[in-house]
C-alpha atoms as a PDB file:
ATOM      1  CA  MET A   1       0.000   0.000   0.000  1.00  0.00           C
ATOM      2  CA  ARG A   2       2.859   2.387   0.742  1.00  0.00           C
ATOM      3  CA  ALA A   3       4.131   2.355  -2.849  1.00  0.00           C
ATOM      4  CA  ASN A   4       0.678   3.225  -4.160  1.00  0.00           C
ATOM      5  CA  LYS A   5       0.310   5.923  -1.527  1.00  0.00           C
ATOM      6  CA  ALA A   6       3.660   7.442  -2.361  1.00  0.00           C
ATOM      7  CA  ARG A   7       2.611   7.683  -6.014  1.00  0.00           C
ATOM      8  CA  LEU A   8      -0.719   9.174  -5.028  1.00  0.00           C
ATOM      9  CA  GLY A   9       1.008  11.602  -2.683  1.00  0.00           C
ATOM     10  CA  ALA A  10       3.170  12.911  -5.503  1.00  0.00           C
ATOM     11  CA  ALA A  11       0.130  13.240  -7.737  1.00  0.00           C
ATOM     12  CA  ALA A  12      -1.922  15.037  -5.128  1.00  0.00           C
ATOM     13  CA  ALA A  13       0.925  17.434  -4.457  1.00  0.00           C
ATOM     14  CA  ALA A  14       1.052  18.245  -8.164  1.00  0.00           C
ATOM     15  CA  VAL A  15      -2.699  18.823  -8.269  1.00  0.00           C
ATOM     16  CA  ALA A  16      -2.371  21.070  -5.218  1.00  0.00           C
ATOM     17  CA  VAL A  17       0.014  23.299  -7.164  1.00  0.00           C
ATOM     18  CA  VAL A  18      -2.433  23.448 -10.065  1.00  0.00           C
ATOM     19  CA  LEU A  19      -5.478  24.061  -7.925  1.00  0.00           C
ATOM     20  CA  LEU A  20      -3.948  26.135  -5.119  1.00  0.00           C
ATOM     21  CA  GLY A  21      -6.587  27.632  -2.903  1.00  0.00           C
ATOM     22  CA  ALA A  22      -9.372  25.221  -3.911  1.00  0.00           C
ATOM     23  CA  GLY A  23     -10.340  24.596  -0.270  1.00  0.00           C
ATOM     24  CA  ALA A  24     -12.350  27.242   1.534  1.00  0.00           C
ATOM     25  CA  GLY A  25     -10.804  28.784   4.644  1.00  0.00           C
ATOM     26  CA  PRO A  26     -12.503  28.810   8.048  1.00  0.00           C
ATOM     27  CA  ALA A  27     -14.307  31.833   9.444  1.00  0.00           C
ATOM     28  CA  ALA A  28     -12.664  33.529  12.406  1.00  0.00           C
ATOM     29  CA  ALA A  29     -14.343  33.102  15.765  1.00  0.00           C
ATOM     30  CA  ASP A  30     -12.651  33.340  19.169  1.00  0.00           C
ATOM     31  CA  SER A  31     -15.214  31.104  20.859  1.00  0.00           C
ATOM     32  CA  ARG A  32     -14.551  28.069  18.701  1.00  0.00           C
ATOM     33  CA  PRO A  33     -12.622  25.029  19.993  1.00  0.00           C
ATOM     34  CA  ALA A  34      -8.854  25.106  19.665  1.00  0.00           C
ATOM     35  CA  GLY A  35      -7.785  23.800  16.283  1.00  0.00           C
ATOM     36  CA  SER A  36     -10.804  25.231  14.460  1.00  0.00           C
ATOM     37  CA  ASP A  37      -8.482  27.245  12.230  1.00  0.00           C
ATOM     38  CA  GLY A  38      -6.340  24.214  11.545  1.00  0.00           C
ATOM     39  CA  PHE A  39      -2.893  23.355  12.897  1.00  0.00           C
ATOM     40  CA  THR A  40       0.364  21.631  12.022  1.00  0.00           C
ATOM     41  CA  ILE A  41       1.307  18.313  13.620  1.00  0.00           C
ATOM     42  CA  GLU A  42       4.707  18.956  15.184  1.00  0.00           C
ATOM     43  CA  ASP A  43       5.632  15.513  16.555  1.00  0.00           C
ATOM     44  CA  PRO A  44       8.385  13.972  14.371  1.00  0.00           C
ATOM     45  CA  ARG A  45       7.124  10.500  15.350  1.00  0.00           C
ATOM     46  CA  ILE A  46       3.868  11.164  13.485  1.00  0.00           C
ATOM     47  CA  THR A  47       4.867  10.663   9.873  1.00  0.00           C
ATOM     48  CA  GLU A  48       1.754   8.962   8.471  1.00  0.00           C
ATOM     49  CA  SER A  49      -1.223  10.535  10.224  1.00  0.00           C
ATOM     50  CA  SER A  50      -4.072   8.486   8.805  1.00  0.00           C
ATOM     51  CA  GLY A  51      -6.978   9.136  11.171  1.00  0.00           C
ATOM     52  CA  LEU A  52      -8.289  12.072  13.190  1.00  0.00           C
ATOM     53  CA  ALA A  53     -10.872  12.368  15.964  1.00  0.00           C
ATOM     54  CA  ALA A  54     -11.813  15.397  18.059  1.00  0.00           C
ATOM     55  CA  SER A  55     -11.837  14.656  21.782  1.00  0.00           C
ATOM     56  CA  ARG A  56     -15.057  15.458  23.643  1.00  0.00           C
ATOM     57  CA  LEU A  57     -13.473  14.941  27.038  1.00  0.00           C
ATOM     58  CA  HIS A  58     -10.615  17.320  26.238  1.00  0.00           C
ATOM     59  CA  PRO A  59     -11.892  20.019  23.827  1.00  0.00           C
ATOM     60  CA  GLY A  60      -9.181  21.204  21.478  1.00  0.00           C
ATOM     61  CA  ILE A  61      -7.361  17.858  21.593  1.00  0.00           C
ATOM     62  CA  TYR A  62      -7.259  15.630  18.504  1.00  0.00           C
ATOM     63  CA  TRP A  63      -6.389  11.946  18.438  1.00  0.00           C
ATOM     64  CA  THR A  64      -4.331  10.569  15.582  1.00  0.00           C
ATOM     65  CA  HIS A  65      -2.092   7.612  14.744  1.00  0.00           C
ATOM     66  CA  ASN A  66       0.353   6.456  12.140  1.00  0.00           C
ATOM     67  CA  ASP A  67      -0.624   4.314   9.190  1.00  0.00           C
ATOM     68  CA  SER A  68       0.391   0.695   8.686  1.00  0.00           C
ATOM     69  CA  ASP A  69       2.346  -1.280  11.307  1.00  0.00           C
ATOM     70  CA  ASP A  70       3.904   1.557  13.308  1.00  0.00           C
ATOM     71  CA  GLY A  71       2.752  -0.020  16.559  1.00  0.00           C
ATOM     72  CA  ALA A  72      -0.176   0.111  18.987  1.00  0.00           C
ATOM     73  CA  TYR A  73       0.013   3.853  19.646  1.00  0.00           C
ATOM     74  CA  LEU A  74      -2.382   6.785  19.728  1.00  0.00           C
ATOM     75  CA  TYR A  75      -1.261  10.404  19.909  1.00  0.00           C
ATOM     76  CA  ALA A  76      -3.179  13.279  21.545  1.00  0.00           C
ATOM     77  CA  VAL A  77      -2.345  16.498  19.678  1.00  0.00           C
ATOM     78  CA  ASP A  78      -3.135  19.963  21.036  1.00  0.00           C
ATOM     79  CA  GLY A  79      -4.987  22.007  18.412  1.00  0.00           C
ATOM     80  CA  ARG A  80      -3.512  25.220  19.821  1.00  0.00           C
ATOM     81  CA  THR A  81       0.122  24.278  19.344  1.00  0.00           C
ATOM     82  CA  GLY A  82       0.170  21.144  17.196  1.00  0.00           C
ATOM     83  CA  LYS A  83       2.273  19.459  19.879  1.00  0.00           C
ATOM     84  CA  THR A  84       1.677  15.985  21.266  1.00  0.00           C
ATOM     85  CA  VAL A  85       0.478  16.056  24.873  1.00  0.00           C
ATOM     86  CA  ALA A  86       0.129  12.282  25.342  1.00  0.00           C
ATOM     87  CA  ARG A  87       1.032   9.037  23.636  1.00  0.00           C
ATOM     88  CA  LEU A  88      -1.066   5.993  24.504  1.00  0.00           C
ATOM     89  CA  THR A  89       0.371   2.505  24.206  1.00  0.00           C
ATOM     90  CA  LEU A  90      -2.380  -0.066  23.717  1.00  0.00           C
ATOM     91  CA  THR A  91      -2.176  -3.436  25.429  1.00  0.00           C
ATOM     92  CA  GLY A  92      -4.561  -6.376  25.162  1.00  0.00           C
ATOM     93  CA  VAL A  93      -4.306  -6.396  21.359  1.00  0.00           C
ATOM     94  CA  GLY A  94      -2.101  -8.207  18.882  1.00  0.00           C
ATOM     95  CA  ALA A  95       0.411  -6.569  16.558  1.00  0.00           C
ATOM     96  CA  PRO A  96      -1.439  -3.994  14.420  1.00  0.00           C
ATOM     97  CA  ARG A  97      -1.187  -4.555  10.655  1.00  0.00           C
ATOM     98  CA  ASP A  98      -2.615  -1.438   9.022  1.00  0.00           C
ATOM     99  CA  VAL A  99      -4.230   1.085  11.365  1.00  0.00           C
ATOM    100  CA  GLU A 100      -6.288   3.526   9.302  1.00  0.00           C
ATOM    101  CA  ALA A 101      -8.983   5.202  11.416  1.00  0.00           C
ATOM    102  CA  VAL A 102      -9.933   6.501  14.846  1.00  0.00           C
ATOM    103  CA  SER A 103     -13.348   7.560  16.136  1.00  0.00           C
ATOM    104  CA  ILE A 104     -15.063   8.321  19.446  1.00  0.00           C
ATOM    105  CA  GLY A 105     -18.339   6.715  20.481  1.00  0.00           C
ATOM    106  CA  PRO A 106     -21.177   8.058  22.653  1.00  0.00           C
ATOM    107  CA  ASP A 107     -19.726   6.006  25.497  1.00  0.00           C
ATOM    108  CA  GLY A 108     -16.650   8.258  25.367  1.00  0.00           C
ATOM    109  CA  ASP A 109     -14.428   5.374  24.299  1.00  0.00           C
ATOM    110  CA  LEU A 110     -11.865   5.567  21.521  1.00  0.00           C
ATOM    111  CA  TYR A 111     -12.306   3.138  18.626  1.00  0.00           C
ATOM    112  CA  VAL A 112      -9.272   2.348  16.483  1.00  0.00           C
ATOM    113  CA  GLY A 113      -9.723   0.732  13.067  1.00  0.00           C
ATOM    114  CA  ASP A 114      -6.959  -1.700  12.093  1.00  0.00           C
ATOM    115  CA  ILE A 115      -8.895  -2.181   8.868  1.00  0.00           C
ATOM    116  CA  GLY A 116      -6.471  -1.497   6.040  1.00  0.00           C
ATOM    117  CA  ASP A 117      -5.430  -4.385   3.834  1.00  0.00           C
ATOM    118  CA  ASN A 118      -2.018  -4.145   2.209  1.00  0.00           C
ATOM    119  CA  LEU A 119      -2.864  -7.209   0.137  1.00  0.00           C
ATOM    120  CA  GLY A 120      -5.815  -5.475  -1.521  1.00  0.00           C
ATOM    121  CA  GLY A 121      -8.625  -7.374   0.190  1.00  0.00           C
ATOM    122  CA  LYS A 122      -7.000 -10.741   0.949  1.00  0.00           C
ATOM    123  CA  TRP A 123      -6.964 -10.907   4.748  1.00  0.00           C
ATOM    124  CA  ASP A 124      -9.924 -12.926   5.985  1.00  0.00           C
ATOM    125  CA  HIS A 125     -10.364 -10.654   9.001  1.00  0.00           C
ATOM    126  CA  VAL A 126      -9.351  -7.261  10.366  1.00  0.00           C
ATOM    127  CA  TRP A 127      -9.632  -5.712  13.833  1.00  0.00           C
ATOM    128  CA  ILE A 128     -11.181  -2.874  15.788  1.00  0.00           C
ATOM    129  CA  TYR A 129      -9.697  -1.851  19.145  1.00  0.00           C
ATOM    130  CA  LYS A 130     -11.721  -0.071  21.821  1.00  0.00           C
ATOM    131  CA  LEU A 131     -10.308   1.727  24.844  1.00  0.00           C
ATOM    132  CA  PRO A 132     -11.442   4.370  27.353  1.00  0.00           C
ATOM    133  CA  GLU A 133     -10.240   7.881  26.639  1.00  0.00           C
ATOM    134  CA  PRO A 134      -7.965   8.835  29.569  1.00  0.00           C
ATOM    135  CA  LYS A 135      -9.184  11.541  31.925  1.00  0.00           C
ATOM    136  CA  ASN A 136      -5.647  12.816  32.326  1.00  0.00           C
ATOM    137  CA  LEU A 137      -3.408  13.363  29.330  1.00  0.00           C
ATOM    138  CA  HIS A 138       0.131  12.047  29.700  1.00  0.00           C
ATOM    139  CA  ASP A 139       2.103   9.175  28.204  1.00  0.00           C
ATOM    140  CA  GLN A 140       0.536   5.992  29.516  1.00  0.00           C
ATOM    141  CA  THR A 141      -0.433   2.401  28.781  1.00  0.00           C
ATOM    142  CA  VAL A 142      -4.129   1.650  28.313  1.00  0.00           C
ATOM    143  CA  ARG A 143      -5.743  -1.763  27.998  1.00  0.00           C
ATOM    144  CA  ALA A 144      -8.014  -2.148  24.972  1.00  0.00           C
ATOM    145  CA  LYS A 145     -10.584  -4.679  23.810  1.00  0.00           C
ATOM    146  CA  GLN A 146      -9.979  -6.301  20.455  1.00  0.00           C
ATOM    147  CA  TYR A 147     -12.818  -7.138  18.066  1.00  0.00           C
ATOM    148  CA  VAL A 148     -12.446  -9.472  15.096  1.00  0.00           C
ATOM    149  CA  VAL A 149     -14.182  -8.099  12.003  1.00  0.00           C
ATOM    150  CA  LYS A 150     -15.234  -9.859   8.799  1.00  0.00           C
ATOM    151  CA  TYR A 151     -17.409  -8.717   5.898  1.00  0.00           C
ATOM    152  CA  ALA A 152     -20.475 -10.651   4.813  1.00  0.00           C
ATOM    153  CA  ASP A 153     -19.414 -10.453   1.154  1.00  0.00           C
ATOM    154  CA  GLY A 154     -15.737 -11.250   1.552  1.00  0.00           C
ATOM    155  CA  PRO A 155     -12.492  -9.402   2.388  1.00  0.00           C
ATOM    156  CA  ARG A 156     -12.283  -5.655   1.761  1.00  0.00           C
ATOM    157  CA  ASN A 157      -9.683  -2.930   1.945  1.00  0.00           C
ATOM    158  CA  ALA A 158     -10.884   0.029   4.022  1.00  0.00           C
ATOM    159  CA  GLU A 159      -9.546   3.208   5.587  1.00  0.00           C
ATOM    160  CA  ALA A 160     -12.716   4.817   7.000  1.00  0.00           C
ATOM    161  CA  MET A 161     -14.364   3.728  10.250  1.00  0.00           C
ATOM    162  CA  MET A 162     -16.962   5.852  12.021  1.00  0.00           C
ATOM    163  CA  VAL A 163     -18.873   5.360  15.277  1.00  0.00           C
ATOM    164  CA  HIS A 164     -22.309   6.972  15.271  1.00  0.00           C
ATOM    165  CA  PRO A 165     -22.350   9.573  18.084  1.00  0.00           C
ATOM    166  CA  LYS A 166     -25.914   8.724  19.170  1.00  0.00           C
ATOM    167  CA  THR A 167     -26.430   4.991  18.553  1.00  0.00           C
ATOM    168  CA  GLY A 168     -22.845   3.820  19.070  1.00  0.00           C
ATOM    169  CA  ARG A 169     -23.053   1.632  15.978  1.00  0.00           C
ATOM    170  CA  VAL A 170     -19.804   1.146  14.075  1.00  0.00           C
ATOM    171  CA  TYR A 171     -19.570   1.637  10.300  1.00  0.00           C
ATOM    172  CA  ILE A 172     -16.774   0.983   7.820  1.00  0.00           C
ATOM    173  CA  VAL A 173     -16.480   2.316   4.279  1.00  0.00           C
ATOM    174  CA  GLU A 174     -14.647   0.253   1.704  1.00  0.00           C
ATOM    175  CA  LYS A 175     -11.781   1.917  -0.153  1.00  0.00           C
ATOM    176  CA  ASP A 176     -12.077   1.293  -3.891  1.00  0.00           C
ATOM    177  CA  GLU A 177     -11.111   3.619  -6.718  1.00  0.00           C
ATOM    178  CA  ASP A 178     -14.394   2.852  -8.500  1.00  0.00           C
ATOM    179  CA  GLY A 179     -16.507   3.445  -5.402  1.00  0.00           C
ATOM    180  CA  GLY A 180     -17.228   1.036  -2.566  1.00  0.00           C
ATOM    181  CA  GLY A 181     -19.748   0.129   0.076  1.00  0.00           C
ATOM    182  CA  LEU A 182     -20.854   1.330   3.501  1.00  0.00           C
ATOM    183  CA  TYR A 183     -20.782  -1.568   5.970  1.00  0.00           C
ATOM    184  CA  GLU A 184     -22.720  -1.725   9.223  1.00  0.00           C
ATOM    185  CA  GLY A 185     -21.451  -3.661  12.225  1.00  0.00           C
ATOM    186  CA  PRO A 186     -23.496  -5.668  14.721  1.00  0.00           C
ATOM    187  CA  ASP A 187     -24.886  -3.828  17.718  1.00  0.00           C
ATOM    188  CA  PRO A 188     -23.083  -4.198  20.044  1.00  0.00           C
ATOM    189  CA  LEU A 189     -19.699  -5.488  18.950  1.00  0.00           C
ATOM    190  CA  ASN A 190     -18.732  -8.764  20.633  1.00  0.00           C
ATOM    191  CA  PRO A 191     -15.112  -9.203  21.764  1.00  0.00           C
ATOM    192  CA  SER A 192     -15.613 -12.973  22.062  1.00  0.00           C
ATOM    193  CA  ALA A 193     -16.959 -13.677  18.576  1.00  0.00           C
ATOM    194  CA  THR A 194     -16.481 -12.670  14.954  1.00  0.00           C
ATOM    195  CA  ASN A 195     -18.305  -9.439  14.130  1.00  0.00           C
ATOM    196  CA  THR A 196     -19.790  -9.582  10.631  1.00  0.00           C
ATOM    197  CA  PHE A 197     -20.234  -6.240   8.883  1.00  0.00           C
ATOM    198  CA  ARG A 198     -22.920  -6.109   6.193  1.00  0.00           C
ATOM    199  CA  ARG A 199     -23.140  -3.782   3.204  1.00  0.00           C
ATOM    200  CA  VAL A 200     -26.010  -1.328   3.632  1.00  0.00           C
ATOM    201  CA  ALA A 201     -25.317   1.331   0.975  1.00  0.00           C
ATOM    202  CA  ASP A 202     -23.199   2.126  -2.069  1.00  0.00           C
ATOM    203  CA  ILE A 203     -20.663   4.960  -1.832  1.00  0.00           C
ATOM    204  CA  ASP A 204     -19.566   6.721  -5.023  1.00  0.00           C
ATOM    205  CA  LEU A 205     -16.141   7.840  -3.817  1.00  0.00           C
ATOM    206  CA  TRP A 206     -12.612   6.518  -3.375  1.00  0.00           C
ATOM    207  CA  VAL A 207     -12.792   6.919   0.416  1.00  0.00           C
ATOM    208  CA  THR A 208      -9.823   7.504   2.718  1.00  0.00           C
ATOM    209  CA  ASP A 209     -11.742   8.583   5.845  1.00  0.00           C
ATOM    210  CA  GLY A 210     -15.124   9.669   7.177  1.00  0.00           C
ATOM    211  CA  ALA A 211     -16.792  11.343  10.141  1.00  0.00           C
ATOM    212  CA  PHE A 212     -20.249  11.821  11.604  1.00  0.00           C
ATOM    213  CA  SER A 213     -21.343  15.277  12.698  1.00  0.00           C
ATOM    214  CA  PRO A 214     -21.708  15.583  16.498  1.00  0.00           C
ATOM    215  CA  ASP A 215     -25.506  15.446  16.217  1.00  0.00           C
ATOM    216  CA  GLY A 216     -25.298  12.302  14.087  1.00  0.00           C
ATOM    217  CA  LYS A 217     -27.363  13.787  11.262  1.00  0.00           C
ATOM    218  CA  GLN A 218     -24.577  14.187   8.708  1.00  0.00           C
ATOM    219  CA  LEU A 219     -21.869  11.954   7.312  1.00  0.00           C
ATOM    220  CA  ALA A 220     -18.789  13.451   5.653  1.00  0.00           C
ATOM    221  CA  LEU A 221     -16.607  11.184   3.521  1.00  0.00           C
ATOM    222  CA  ARG A 222     -13.337  12.288   1.989  1.00  0.00           C
ATOM    223  CA  GLY A 223     -10.966  10.935  -0.632  1.00  0.00           C
ATOM    224  CA  TYR A 224      -7.652  12.075  -2.060  1.00  0.00           C
ATOM    225  CA  PHE A 225      -9.190  14.601  -4.434  1.00  0.00           C
ATOM    226  CA  GLY A 226     -12.587  15.507  -2.972  1.00  0.00           C
ATOM    227  CA  GLY A 227     -15.405  14.454  -0.684  1.00  0.00           C
ATOM    228  CA  VAL A 228     -19.130  13.854  -0.432  1.00  0.00           C
ATOM    229  CA  ALA A 229     -21.668  15.057   2.151  1.00  0.00           C
ATOM    230  CA  TYR A 230     -24.581  12.803   3.100  1.00  0.00           C
ATOM    231  CA  SER A 231     -27.586  13.265   5.323  1.00  0.00           C
ATOM    232  CA  TRP A 232     -27.591  10.201   7.569  1.00  0.00           C
ATOM    233  CA  ASN A 233     -31.322   9.651   7.103  1.00  0.00           C
ATOM    234  CA  ASP A 234     -31.652   7.027   9.880  1.00  0.00           C
ATOM    235  CA  GLY A 235     -28.966   4.815   8.437  1.00  0.00           C
ATOM    236  CA  LYS A 236     -29.995   5.215   4.804  1.00  0.00           C
ATOM    237  CA  PRO A 237     -27.538   7.896   3.705  1.00  0.00           C
ATOM    238  CA  LYS A 238     -28.742  10.375   1.113  1.00  0.00           C
ATOM    239  CA  ARG A 239     -26.157  12.216  -0.953  1.00  0.00           C
ATOM    240  CA  GLN A 240     -26.345  15.994  -0.584  1.00  0.00           C
ATOM    241  CA  GLY A 241     -23.389  17.153  -2.646  1.00  0.00           C
ATOM    242  CA  GLN A 242     -19.658  17.539  -2.767  1.00  0.00           C
ATOM    243  CA  LEU A 243     -17.410  18.825  -0.001  1.00  0.00           C
ATOM    244  CA  SER A 244     -14.811  21.533  -0.445  1.00  0.00           C
ATOM    245  CA  VAL A 245     -11.859  19.327   0.463  1.00  0.00           C
ATOM    246  CA  PRO A 246      -8.549  21.239   0.436  1.00  0.00           C
ATOM    247  CA  MET A 247      -5.869  19.841  -1.818  1.00  0.00           C
ATOM    248  CA  GLN A 248      -3.263  18.009   0.261  1.00  0.00           C
ATOM    249  CA  ALA A 249      -0.189  15.974  -0.513  1.00  0.00           C
ATOM    250  CA  GLN A 250      -1.882  12.778   0.703  1.00  0.00           C
ATOM    251  CA  GLY A 251      -5.289  13.451   2.239  1.00  0.00           C
ATOM    252  CA  GLU A 252      -6.048  10.664   4.687  1.00  0.00           C
ATOM    253  CA  SER A 253      -8.249  11.944   7.505  1.00  0.00           C
ATOM    254  CA  VAL A 254     -11.251  14.049   8.472  1.00  0.00           C
ATOM    255  CA  THR A 255     -13.105  14.952  11.664  1.00  0.00           C
ATOM    256  CA  TYR A 256     -15.685  17.473  12.854  1.00  0.00           C
ATOM    257  CA  THR A 257     -14.758  19.864  15.622  1.00  0.00           C
ATOM    258  CA  VAL A 258     -16.790  19.194  18.769  1.00  0.00           C
ATOM    259  CA  ASP A 259     -19.119  22.126  18.062  1.00  0.00           C
ATOM    260  CA  GLY A 260     -19.943  20.729  14.622  1.00  0.00           C
ATOM    261  CA  LYS A 261     -19.021  23.985  12.910  1.00  0.00           C
ATOM    262  CA  THR A 262     -15.813  22.971  11.176  1.00  0.00           C
ATOM    263  CA  LEU A 263     -14.432  20.005   9.274  1.00  0.00           C
ATOM    264  CA  LEU A 264     -10.726  19.350   9.766  1.00  0.00           C
ATOM    265  CA  TYR A 265      -8.832  17.553   7.009  1.00  0.00           C
ATOM    266  CA  GLY A 266      -5.489  15.869   7.679  1.00  0.00           C
ATOM    267  CA  SER A 267      -2.714  14.525   5.500  1.00  0.00           C
ATOM    268  CA  GLU A 268       0.169  12.105   5.841  1.00  0.00           C
ATOM    269  CA  GLY A 269       3.775  13.278   6.004  1.00  0.00           C
ATOM    270  CA  GLN A 270       6.036  14.570   8.755  1.00  0.00           C
ATOM    271  CA  GLY A 271       4.984  18.040   9.893  1.00  0.00           C
ATOM    272  CA  SER A 272       1.699  17.705   8.011  1.00  0.00           C
ATOM    273  CA  SER A 273      -0.961  20.398   8.203  1.00  0.00           C
ATOM    274  CA  VAL A 274      -4.557  19.895   9.300  1.00  0.00           C
ATOM    275  CA  LYS A 275      -6.761  22.182   7.194  1.00  0.00           C
ATOM    276  CA  ALA A 276     -10.053  23.688   8.379  1.00  0.00           C
ATOM    277  CA  VAL A 277     -13.222  24.207   6.326  1.00  0.00           C
ATOM    278  CA  GLU A 278     -16.324  25.806   7.829  1.00  0.00           C
ATOM    279  CA  VAL A 279     -19.476  23.689   7.802  1.00  0.00           C
ATOM    280  CA  GLU A 280     -22.304  25.168   5.762  1.00  0.00           C
ATOM    281  CA  GLY A 281     -25.055  26.589   7.978  1.00  0.00           C
ATOM    282  CA  SER A 282     -22.884  26.790  11.091  1.00  0.00           C
ATOM    283  CA  ASP A 283     -23.101  30.599  11.145  1.00  0.00           C
ATOM    284  CA  GLY A 284     -26.641  30.469  12.461  1.00  0.00           C
ATOM    285  CA  SER A 285     -28.357  30.110   9.114  1.00  0.00           C
ATOM    286  CA  GLY A 286     -29.110  26.475   9.778  1.00  0.00           C
ATOM    287  CA  ASN A 287     -28.365  23.321  11.759  1.00  0.00           C
ATOM    288  CA  SER A 288     -24.847  23.307  13.155  1.00  0.00           C
ATOM    289  CA  GLY A 289     -24.518  19.904  11.520  1.00  0.00           C
ATOM    290  CA  GLY A 290     -24.959  21.830   8.288  1.00  0.00           C
ATOM    291  CA  SER A 291     -24.620  19.998   5.034  1.00  0.00           C
ATOM    292  CA  GLY A 292     -21.318  18.490   6.006  1.00  0.00           C
ATOM    293  CA  GLY A 293     -19.024  21.254   4.760  1.00  0.00           C
ATOM    294  CA  SER A 294     -18.847  24.466   2.814  1.00  0.00           C
ATOM    295  CA  SER A 295     -19.593  24.685  -0.895  1.00  0.00           C
ATOM    296  CA  VAL A 296     -21.881  21.676  -1.000  1.00  0.00           C
ATOM    297  CA  ASP A 297     -23.489  22.054  -4.384  1.00  0.00           C
ATOM    298  CA  GLY A 298     -24.247  18.633  -5.756  1.00  0.00           C
ATOM    299  CA  ASP A 299     -22.029  18.919  -8.813  1.00  0.00           C
ATOM    300  CA  GLY A 300     -18.983  21.096  -8.212  1.00  0.00           C
ATOM    301  CA  GLY A 301     -16.043  21.335  -5.875  1.00  0.00           C
ATOM    302  CA  GLY A 302     -13.371  18.701  -6.258  1.00  0.00           C
ATOM    303  CA  PHE A 303     -12.818  15.271  -7.733  1.00  0.00           C
ATOM    304  CA  THR A 304     -15.220  12.648  -6.371  1.00  0.00           C
ATOM    305  CA  GLY A 305     -17.044   9.484  -7.358  1.00  0.00           C
ATOM    306  CA  LYS A 306     -15.910   6.964  -9.938  1.00  0.00           C
ATOM    307  CA  ALA A 307     -14.569   9.743 -12.115  1.00  0.00           C
ATOM    308  CA  GLY A 308     -12.588  11.310  -9.265  1.00  0.00           C
ATOM    309  CA  ALA A 309      -9.150   9.957  -9.978  1.00  0.00           C
ATOM    310  CA  VAL A 310      -9.765  10.278 -13.706  1.00  0.00           C
ATOM    311  CA  GLY A 311     -10.749  13.922 -13.295  1.00  0.00           C
ATOM    312  CA  ALA A 312      -7.573  14.639 -11.392  1.00  0.00           C
ATOM    313  CA  ALA A 313      -5.595  12.859 -14.087  1.00  0.00           C
ATOM    314  CA  VAL A 314      -7.163  15.036 -16.755  1.00  0.00           C
ATOM    315  CA  VAL A 315      -6.040  18.149 -14.889  1.00  0.00           C
ATOM    316  CA  LEU A 316      -2.519  16.824 -14.547  1.00  0.00           C
ATOM    317  CA  ILE A 317      -2.292  15.719 -18.162  1.00  0.00           C
ATOM    318  CA  ALA A 318      -3.574  19.045 -19.408  1.00  0.00           C
ATOM    319  CA  VAL A 319      -1.370  21.167 -17.190  1.00  0.00           C
ATOM    320  CA  ILE A 320       1.804  19.221 -16.414  1.00  0.00           C
ATOM    321  CA  GLY A 321       1.462  15.968 -18.354  1.00  0.00           C
ATOM    322  CA  ILE A 322       1.871  13.405 -15.565  1.00  0.00           C
ATOM    323  CA  GLY A 323      -1.587  11.883 -15.337  1.00  0.00           C
ATOM    324  CA  ARG A 324      -0.236   8.388 -14.873  1.00  0.00           C
ATOM    325  CA  LEU A 325       0.635   9.278 -11.298  1.00  0.00           C
ATOM    326  CA  LEU A 326      -2.988   9.507 -10.270  1.00  0.00           C
ATOM    327  CA  ARG A 327      -4.421   6.038 -10.677  1.00  0.00           C
ATOM    328  CA  ARG A 328      -2.907   2.792  -9.686  1.00  0.00           C
ATOM    329  CA  PRO A 329      -3.312  -0.067 -12.191  1.00  0.00           C
ATOM    330  CA  LYS A 330      -6.669  -1.813 -12.230  1.00  0.00           C
ATOM    331  CA  LYS A 331      -6.803  -5.039 -10.271  1.00  0.00           C
ATOM    332  CA  GLY A 332      -6.568  -8.045 -12.545  1.00  0.00           C
END
């Protein structure tokens, strides 16, 4: 997966040069949670930030982790400074293979998705780890529960895992360049048995991460070159339009701020920046859950859906002639 990601990172960086300024900037407001204007991750140990979750227990703190097999670690990053204030070492789990996502449930627990598949959908199971968010932030060891996950329709590669903030149900979105599926887990997850996730909706996006709004009414999904906003619609997501996802070297993560007014988009790479985009309607003109992000228009704003990578390739070919960087070869 790393070779493909490196190629995609180079492509996305090139597109960022072409489309500089495509992402909308956040509105200034002193009362917003720390990090609402974005921040830079300063910790040199965090080189592949692949998931992002806003702490409810510690407003202004954001949980992240490295991609792949870096180890069973979570990092708490201060949105004011970008500095790490705690590193958690997880025990009670095996050796992580490809950690791709982090989310927080209504129980206040952290959920970590070891759901990536470097073999392109060959592993017969993946894992989710669950642990209590510490009340005090300092380097510490925390015991986690490990859940075995399988898919009803066979192995999948995935990078997005979201816990619904009201029901506590866990969802995974398949990562596929031609669009994938939204999978729903059993309620509750069982640490003593295999948890079978079943496909409940089609997703027209090459998804690298996702997040529910704090009120649970919106679902934001992002990819390398764009994103899609959905109304949750009681578990039957309805597409609302495209998100204004900022161009990043290798866009891998997204989370809402705890007030639901801003979407934060993260990228891999040492010293990577987390970019902020104001949620539509959060200025008092509508629900603070908004439509998932600014510039949701149904047709414009970024490269999404099955044509997403192709659209980015067209831009690169037309402007700098390196479109082959954008799409990995089709699976045989």
